[in-house]
N, C-alpha and C. Protein backbone atom coordinates (compact mmCIF):
# COMPACT_ATOMS: atom_id res chain seq x y z
N MET A 1 0.86 -1.11 -0.22
CA MET A 1 -0.09 0.05 -0.07
C MET A 1 0.99 1.23 0.09
N LEU A 2 2.26 1.44 0.67
CA LEU A 2 3.06 2.37 0.55
C LEU A 2 3.58 2.71 -0.60
N TRP A 3 3.84 1.98 -1.71
CA TRP A 3 4.15 1.90 -2.84
C TRP A 3 3.06 2.75 -3.51
N VAL A 4 1.70 2.29 -3.66
CA VAL A 4 0.74 3.02 -4.40
C VAL A 4 0.56 3.96 -3.95
N LYS A 5 0.72 4.53 -2.55
CA LYS A 5 0.25 6.03 -2.00
C LYS A 5 1.77 6.74 -2.30
N THR A 6 2.53 6.35 -2.28
CA THR A 6 3.71 7.29 -2.73
C THR A 6 3.75 7.60 -4.58
N LEU A 7 3.39 6.52 -5.21
CA LEU A 7 2.98 6.65 -6.51
C LEU A 7 1.89 7.98 -6.63
N HIS A 8 0.84 7.77 -5.94
CA HIS A 8 -0.27 8.64 -6.20
C HIS A 8 0.33 9.76 -5.87
N ILE A 9 1.13 10.17 -4.52
CA ILE A 9 1.31 11.61 -4.17
C ILE A 9 2.71 12.28 -5.25
N VAL A 10 3.17 11.40 -6.23
CA VAL A 10 3.99 12.09 -7.07
C VAL A 10 3.49 11.94 -8.32
N PHE A 11 2.50 11.55 -8.58
CA PHE A 11 1.79 11.82 -9.95
C PHE A 11 1.01 13.15 -9.21
N ILE A 12 0.28 12.96 -8.05
CA ILE A 12 -0.52 14.19 -8.02
C ILE A 12 0.53 15.67 -7.97
N ALA A 13 1.64 15.61 -7.40
CA ALA A 13 2.56 16.68 -7.47
C ALA A 13 2.60 17.02 -9.10
N SER A 14 3.02 16.16 -9.34
CA SER A 14 3.45 16.37 -11.25
C SER A 14 2.24 16.74 -11.78
N TRP A 15 1.22 16.36 -11.62
CA TRP A 15 -0.12 17.04 -12.56
C TRP A 15 -0.14 18.16 -11.66
N PHE A 16 -0.17 18.63 -10.46
CA PHE A 16 -0.68 19.94 -10.34
C PHE A 16 0.22 21.20 -10.69
N ALA A 17 1.54 20.43 -10.81
CA ALA A 17 2.72 21.74 -11.32
C ALA A 17 2.22 21.79 -12.89
N GLY A 18 1.73 20.83 -13.49
CA GLY A 18 1.22 21.37 -14.67
C GLY A 18 -0.14 22.08 -14.70
N LEU A 19 -0.22 21.98 -13.72
CA LEU A 19 -1.95 22.86 -13.84
C LEU A 19 -1.54 24.40 -12.92
N PHE A 20 -0.09 24.21 -12.30
CA PHE A 20 0.27 25.93 -11.78
C PHE A 20 0.81 26.34 -12.91
N TYR A 21 1.43 25.70 -14.04
CA TYR A 21 1.91 26.52 -15.34
C TYR A 21 1.33 26.98 -16.24
N LEU A 22 0.48 26.03 -16.60
CA LEU A 22 -0.39 26.16 -17.96
C LEU A 22 -0.93 27.29 -18.03
N PRO A 23 -1.55 28.15 -16.46
CA PRO A 23 -2.06 29.21 -16.79
C PRO A 23 -1.37 30.46 -16.85
N ARG A 24 -0.19 30.09 -16.46
CA ARG A 24 1.00 31.36 -16.67
C ARG A 24 1.48 31.68 -18.27
N ILE A 25 1.22 30.49 -18.84
CA ILE A 25 1.73 30.81 -20.54
C ILE A 25 0.11 31.39 -20.79
N PHE A 26 -0.74 30.71 -20.26
CA PHE A 26 -1.93 31.80 -20.85
C PHE A 26 -2.34 33.38 -20.36
N VAL A 27 -1.47 33.74 -19.45
CA VAL A 27 -1.35 35.13 -19.16
C VAL A 27 -0.40 35.94 -20.13
N ASN A 28 0.85 34.82 -20.42
CA ASN A 28 1.76 35.54 -21.57
C ASN A 28 0.99 35.64 -22.67
N LEU A 29 0.19 34.62 -23.18
CA LEU A 29 -0.14 34.68 -24.64
C LEU A 29 -1.09 35.73 -24.19
N ALA A 30 -2.11 36.36 -23.44
CA ALA A 30 -3.25 37.28 -23.58
C ALA A 30 -2.40 38.63 -23.76
N GLN A 31 -0.77 38.96 -23.30
CA GLN A 31 -0.36 40.07 -22.79
C GLN A 31 0.08 40.04 -24.54
N ASN A 32 0.92 39.35 -25.49
CA ASN A 32 1.57 38.98 -26.21
C ASN A 32 0.97 38.80 -27.38
N ASP A 33 0.82 39.77 -28.60
CA ASP A 33 0.32 39.84 -30.06
C ASP A 33 1.45 39.37 -31.50
N GLU A 34 2.58 39.49 -30.91
CA GLU A 34 3.42 38.84 -31.52
C GLU A 34 3.36 37.30 -32.54
N PRO A 35 2.90 37.11 -33.64
CA PRO A 35 2.76 36.25 -34.13
C PRO A 35 4.03 34.67 -33.85
N ALA A 36 4.97 35.39 -33.98
CA ALA A 36 6.19 34.54 -33.54
C ALA A 36 6.47 33.76 -31.96
N VAL A 37 5.78 34.95 -30.89
CA VAL A 37 5.87 34.75 -29.71
C VAL A 37 4.76 33.79 -29.38
N GLN A 38 3.48 34.14 -30.30
CA GLN A 38 2.69 33.68 -29.87
C GLN A 38 2.41 31.83 -30.22
N ALA A 39 2.96 31.86 -31.59
CA ALA A 39 3.67 30.39 -31.71
C ALA A 39 4.18 29.46 -30.82
N CYS A 40 5.25 30.14 -30.71
CA CYS A 40 5.96 29.45 -29.65
C CYS A 40 5.46 29.16 -28.30
N LEU A 41 4.34 30.20 -27.65
CA LEU A 41 3.78 29.89 -26.45
C LEU A 41 2.60 28.78 -26.23
N LEU A 42 1.99 28.99 -27.61
CA LEU A 42 1.03 28.06 -28.10
C LEU A 42 1.75 26.42 -28.03
N GLY A 43 2.58 26.51 -28.72
CA GLY A 43 3.09 24.95 -28.44
C GLY A 43 3.80 24.67 -27.60
N MET A 44 4.51 25.41 -26.46
CA MET A 44 4.56 24.97 -25.12
C MET A 44 3.21 24.47 -24.27
N ALA A 45 2.62 25.69 -24.64
CA ALA A 45 0.94 25.25 -24.03
C ALA A 45 0.10 23.80 -24.26
N ARG A 46 0.47 23.37 -25.55
CA ARG A 46 -0.01 22.31 -26.30
C ARG A 46 0.38 21.21 -25.21
N ARG A 47 1.88 21.19 -25.64
CA ARG A 47 3.01 20.05 -24.75
C ARG A 47 2.60 20.10 -23.67
N LEU A 48 2.61 21.09 -22.34
CA LEU A 48 2.57 21.20 -20.88
C LEU A 48 1.21 20.51 -20.99
N LEU A 49 -0.02 20.61 -21.79
CA LEU A 49 -1.32 20.10 -21.82
C LEU A 49 -1.32 18.83 -22.05
N ARG A 50 -0.73 18.28 -23.12
CA ARG A 50 -0.60 16.47 -22.92
C ARG A 50 0.14 15.75 -22.00
N PHE A 51 1.37 16.63 -21.80
CA PHE A 51 2.01 16.13 -20.38
C PHE A 51 1.33 15.75 -19.43
N THR A 52 0.54 16.72 -19.13
CA THR A 52 -0.10 17.40 -17.62
C THR A 52 -1.30 16.50 -17.81
N THR A 53 -1.77 15.89 -19.15
CA THR A 53 -2.96 15.32 -19.06
C THR A 53 -2.54 13.91 -18.91
N ILE A 54 -1.71 13.49 -19.54
CA ILE A 54 -0.80 12.14 -19.38
C ILE A 54 -0.54 11.81 -17.82
N LEU A 55 -0.03 12.62 -16.99
CA LEU A 55 0.47 12.78 -15.66
C LEU A 55 -1.22 12.65 -14.75
N SER A 56 -2.13 13.14 -14.99
CA SER A 56 -3.15 13.01 -14.61
C SER A 56 -3.68 11.69 -14.36
N VAL A 57 -3.65 11.32 -15.14
CA VAL A 57 -4.34 9.76 -15.10
C VAL A 57 -4.23 8.55 -14.36
N PRO A 58 -2.41 8.50 -14.04
CA PRO A 58 -2.06 7.49 -13.08
C PRO A 58 -2.35 8.24 -11.56
N ALA A 59 -2.62 9.70 -11.71
CA ALA A 59 -2.59 9.99 -10.15
C ALA A 59 -3.90 9.97 -9.61
N VAL A 60 -5.33 10.03 -10.61
CA VAL A 60 -6.45 9.55 -10.00
C VAL A 60 -6.42 8.04 -10.17
N LEU A 61 -6.18 7.59 -10.80
CA LEU A 61 -5.77 5.59 -10.92
C LEU A 61 -5.55 5.17 -9.32
N PHE A 62 -3.94 5.84 -8.91
CA PHE A 62 -3.41 5.30 -8.16
C PHE A 62 -4.38 5.56 -6.97
N GLY A 63 -5.07 6.83 -6.95
CA GLY A 63 -6.20 7.26 -5.38
C GLY A 63 -6.84 6.36 -5.90
N LEU A 64 -7.43 6.26 -7.10
CA LEU A 64 -9.03 4.83 -6.45
C LEU A 64 -8.40 3.48 -6.08
N TRP A 65 -7.51 3.25 -6.79
CA TRP A 65 -6.76 2.09 -6.28
C TRP A 65 -6.52 2.35 -4.74
N LEU A 66 -6.35 3.26 -4.01
CA LEU A 66 -6.06 3.29 -2.85
C LEU A 66 -7.58 3.37 -1.87
N TYR A 67 -8.83 3.83 -2.58
CA TYR A 67 -9.88 4.05 -2.31
C TYR A 67 -10.58 2.68 -1.78
N ALA A 68 -10.70 2.50 -3.27
CA ALA A 68 -11.57 1.19 -3.34
C ALA A 68 -10.61 -0.50 -3.25
N GLY A 69 -9.39 0.02 -3.58
CA GLY A 69 -8.51 -1.44 -3.17
C GLY A 69 -8.30 -1.42 -1.55
N TYR A 70 -8.14 -0.44 -1.23
CA TYR A 70 -7.75 -0.32 0.57
C TYR A 70 -8.64 0.01 1.26
N GLY A 71 -9.60 0.61 0.80
CA GLY A 71 -10.83 0.75 1.61
C GLY A 71 -10.08 2.07 2.39
N ILE A 72 -8.95 2.99 2.13
CA ILE A 72 -9.01 4.48 2.90
C ILE A 72 -10.26 5.41 2.30
N GLY A 73 -10.29 5.85 3.19
CA GLY A 73 -11.48 6.33 3.44
C GLY A 73 -13.22 5.86 3.15
N MET A 74 -13.09 4.98 3.17
CA MET A 74 -14.59 4.28 3.17
C MET A 74 -15.06 3.91 4.45
N GLY A 75 -16.36 3.83 4.45
CA GLY A 75 -17.01 3.88 6.08
C GLY A 75 -17.34 4.83 6.72
N SER A 76 -18.11 4.85 7.50
CA SER A 76 -18.68 5.99 8.32
C SER A 76 -17.47 6.77 9.14
N GLY A 77 -17.77 7.75 9.05
CA GLY A 77 -16.94 9.16 9.90
C GLY A 77 -15.59 9.33 8.82
N ASN A 78 -16.03 9.06 7.64
CA ASN A 78 -14.99 9.89 6.29
C ASN A 78 -15.28 10.48 5.82
N GLY A 79 -16.07 11.62 6.23
CA GLY A 79 -16.70 12.89 5.40
C GLY A 79 -15.94 13.49 4.47
N TRP A 80 -14.32 13.72 5.42
CA TRP A 80 -13.46 14.13 4.44
C TRP A 80 -13.07 13.76 3.25
N MET A 81 -13.29 12.16 2.99
CA MET A 81 -12.89 11.75 1.68
C MET A 81 -14.17 12.41 0.56
N HIS A 82 -15.07 12.31 1.08
CA HIS A 82 -16.03 12.88 -0.07
C HIS A 82 -16.20 14.51 0.03
N ALA A 83 -15.61 15.15 0.45
CA ALA A 83 -15.01 16.45 0.46
C ALA A 83 -13.82 16.47 -0.44
N LYS A 84 -13.39 15.54 -0.70
CA LYS A 84 -11.72 15.61 -1.08
C LYS A 84 -12.06 15.05 -2.77
N LEU A 85 -13.16 14.23 -2.77
CA LEU A 85 -13.10 13.85 -3.89
C LEU A 85 -14.24 14.56 -4.93
N ALA A 86 -14.66 15.52 -3.98
CA ALA A 86 -15.71 16.63 -4.82
C ALA A 86 -14.81 17.50 -5.18
N LEU A 87 -13.49 18.17 -4.70
CA LEU A 87 -12.13 18.75 -4.77
C LEU A 87 -11.65 17.98 -6.23
N VAL A 88 -11.40 16.99 -6.00
CA VAL A 88 -10.57 16.26 -7.19
C VAL A 88 -11.59 16.44 -8.35
N ALA A 89 -12.81 16.21 -8.51
CA ALA A 89 -13.42 16.74 -9.62
C ALA A 89 -13.29 17.61 -9.76
N ALA A 90 -13.26 18.83 -9.13
CA ALA A 90 -13.23 20.11 -9.15
C ALA A 90 -12.00 20.47 -10.30
N ALA A 91 -10.47 19.52 -9.84
CA ALA A 91 -9.82 19.81 -10.17
C ALA A 91 -9.88 19.39 -11.60
N ILE A 92 -10.24 18.11 -11.64
CA ILE A 92 -10.44 17.41 -13.41
C ILE A 92 -11.17 18.42 -14.23
N GLY A 93 -12.13 19.08 -13.39
CA GLY A 93 -12.73 19.96 -14.17
C GLY A 93 -11.75 21.37 -14.62
N TYR A 94 -11.07 22.21 -13.70
CA TYR A 94 -10.05 22.64 -14.25
C TYR A 94 -9.01 22.75 -15.02
N HIS A 95 -8.72 21.36 -15.04
CA HIS A 95 -8.10 20.86 -16.17
C HIS A 95 -8.17 21.05 -17.51
N HIS A 96 -9.94 20.62 -17.61
CA HIS A 96 -10.66 20.25 -18.83
C HIS A 96 -10.77 21.91 -19.17
N GLY A 97 -11.00 22.63 -17.99
CA GLY A 97 -11.04 24.14 -18.64
C GLY A 97 -9.85 24.86 -19.48
N CYS A 98 -8.64 24.20 -18.60
CA CYS A 98 -7.52 24.87 -19.55
C CYS A 98 -7.68 24.59 -20.70
N ALA A 99 -7.65 23.17 -21.03
CA ALA A 99 -7.95 22.99 -22.36
C ALA A 99 -8.98 23.83 -23.55
N VAL A 100 -9.65 24.23 -22.80
CA VAL A 100 -11.00 24.65 -23.49
C VAL A 100 -10.28 25.83 -23.87
N LEU A 101 -9.78 26.57 -22.68
CA LEU A 101 -9.12 28.10 -22.95
C LEU A 101 -8.05 28.19 -24.15
N LEU A 102 -7.42 26.92 -23.94
CA LEU A 102 -6.01 26.67 -25.35
C LEU A 102 -6.78 26.52 -26.17
N ARG A 103 -7.65 25.68 -26.55
CA ARG A 103 -8.63 25.60 -28.06
C ARG A 103 -8.44 26.98 -28.61
N LYS A 104 -9.49 28.11 -27.55
CA LYS A 104 -9.66 29.45 -27.70
C LYS A 104 -8.80 30.00 -28.18
N PHE A 105 -7.29 29.74 -27.54
CA PHE A 105 -6.35 30.69 -28.07
C PHE A 105 -5.59 30.18 -29.45
N GLU A 106 -6.02 29.14 -29.58
CA GLU A 106 -5.18 28.53 -30.74
C GLU A 106 -6.08 28.94 -31.82
N GLN A 107 -7.36 29.20 -31.66
CA GLN A 107 -8.44 29.58 -32.71
C GLN A 107 -8.32 31.08 -33.19
N GLY A 108 -7.53 31.68 -31.85
CA GLY A 108 -7.82 33.53 -32.03
C GLY A 108 -8.83 33.85 -31.39
N ARG A 109 -9.84 33.36 -30.48
CA ARG A 109 -10.66 33.65 -30.21
C ARG A 109 -10.90 33.80 -28.32
N ASN A 110 -9.83 33.90 -28.10
CA ASN A 110 -9.50 34.56 -26.53
C ASN A 110 -9.82 35.99 -26.52
N THR A 111 -10.87 36.07 -25.04
CA THR A 111 -11.43 37.25 -24.71
C THR A 111 -11.18 37.65 -23.56
N ARG A 112 -10.13 37.05 -23.16
CA ARG A 112 -10.04 37.36 -21.40
C ARG A 112 -8.96 38.29 -21.42
N THR A 113 -8.52 38.81 -20.58
CA THR A 113 -7.57 39.27 -20.45
C THR A 113 -6.02 38.83 -19.20
N HIS A 114 -5.13 39.31 -19.29
CA HIS A 114 -3.87 38.52 -18.38
C HIS A 114 -4.60 38.84 -16.93
N VAL A 115 -5.37 39.90 -16.72
CA VAL A 115 -5.52 39.82 -15.40
C VAL A 115 -6.55 38.21 -14.98
N PHE A 116 -7.25 38.43 -15.94
CA PHE A 116 -7.80 36.90 -15.50
C PHE A 116 -7.28 35.77 -15.36
N TYR A 117 -6.39 35.68 -16.30
CA TYR A 117 -5.44 34.35 -15.97
C TYR A 117 -4.61 34.36 -14.84
N ARG A 118 -4.25 35.68 -14.46
CA ARG A 118 -2.89 35.76 -13.21
C ARG A 118 -4.27 35.40 -11.90
N TRP A 119 -5.57 35.63 -11.89
CA TRP A 119 -6.32 35.02 -10.84
C TRP A 119 -6.87 33.47 -11.21
N PHE A 120 -6.92 33.21 -12.25
CA PHE A 120 -7.76 31.66 -12.78
C PHE A 120 -6.28 30.76 -12.79
N ASN A 121 -5.01 31.43 -11.84
CA ASN A 121 -3.58 30.95 -11.86
C ASN A 121 -3.74 30.27 -10.27
N GLU A 122 -4.53 31.28 -9.93
CA GLU A 122 -4.65 30.57 -7.88
C GLU A 122 -5.36 29.69 -7.89
N VAL A 123 -6.38 29.20 -8.86
CA VAL A 123 -7.44 28.34 -8.20
C VAL A 123 -6.95 26.74 -7.99
N PRO A 124 -5.98 26.17 -8.36
CA PRO A 124 -5.15 25.16 -8.80
C PRO A 124 -4.60 25.34 -7.17
N VAL A 125 -3.82 26.15 -6.95
CA VAL A 125 -3.20 26.04 -5.61
C VAL A 125 -4.32 26.12 -4.65
N LEU A 126 -5.40 26.68 -4.60
CA LEU A 126 -6.35 26.55 -3.49
C LEU A 126 -6.81 25.43 -3.50
N LEU A 127 -7.49 24.50 -4.52
CA LEU A 127 -7.65 23.07 -4.43
C LEU A 127 -6.60 22.15 -3.55
N LEU A 128 -5.36 22.48 -4.35
CA LEU A 128 -4.17 21.61 -3.94
C LEU A 128 -3.85 21.95 -2.25
N LEU A 129 -4.41 23.04 -1.74
CA LEU A 129 -4.07 23.09 -0.47
C LEU A 129 -5.18 22.59 0.61
N ALA A 130 -6.57 22.86 -0.15
CA ALA A 130 -7.60 21.97 0.91
C ALA A 130 -7.83 20.95 0.21
N ILE A 131 -7.25 19.91 -0.84
CA ILE A 131 -7.19 18.80 -0.65
C ILE A 131 -6.24 17.97 0.12
N VAL A 132 -5.07 18.67 0.31
CA VAL A 132 -4.00 18.38 1.42
C VAL A 132 -4.65 18.33 2.87
N ALA A 133 -5.12 19.55 3.26
CA ALA A 133 -5.65 19.67 4.27
C ALA A 133 -6.84 18.81 5.10
N LEU A 134 -7.47 18.64 3.87
CA LEU A 134 -8.58 16.92 3.99
C LEU A 134 -7.80 15.95 4.55
N VAL A 135 -6.77 15.79 3.85
CA VAL A 135 -6.16 14.43 3.88
C VAL A 135 -5.36 14.35 5.26
N VAL A 136 -4.75 15.25 5.58
CA VAL A 136 -4.00 15.45 6.55
C VAL A 136 -4.93 15.44 7.94
N VAL A 137 -5.23 16.41 7.91
CA VAL A 137 -6.28 16.84 8.88
C VAL A 137 -7.53 16.04 9.15
N LYS A 138 -8.01 15.67 8.27
CA LYS A 138 -9.49 14.77 8.19
C LYS A 138 -10.71 15.38 9.45
N PRO A 139 -10.94 16.73 8.91
CA PRO A 139 -11.60 17.34 9.67
C PRO A 139 -12.72 17.01 10.21
N PHE A 140 -13.74 16.10 9.53
CA PHE A 140 -14.93 15.39 9.32
C PHE A 140 -15.17 14.01 8.46
């Protein structure tokens, strides 16, 4: 079980590293209109999204293995796990939202400013903080 937990944590950290950086690329895309810079940033964003998506799959699968295979968080008195799973679903939704925003940039249809993306970039930090707090503290 400890190996599964270790791999879960490593893949979660890697997945979130991508979720932290991708919106920073969006900030730069929203600030720069130069075609060569845009092309470079779009290429970076595409590769990062692809890599981050690949990392998210084992992160979720190892988490499901811990939950279903070892029963971590099952049973009564584990409301923290339900809250954590809701936040994981929100992280998956955020990841999907990043893919949608990238498509808009690729199509030249971005309507948001760099300020929006600076705030948007804080969402995964808050999600990770809340998830880790729930797992460590188990408040309910």
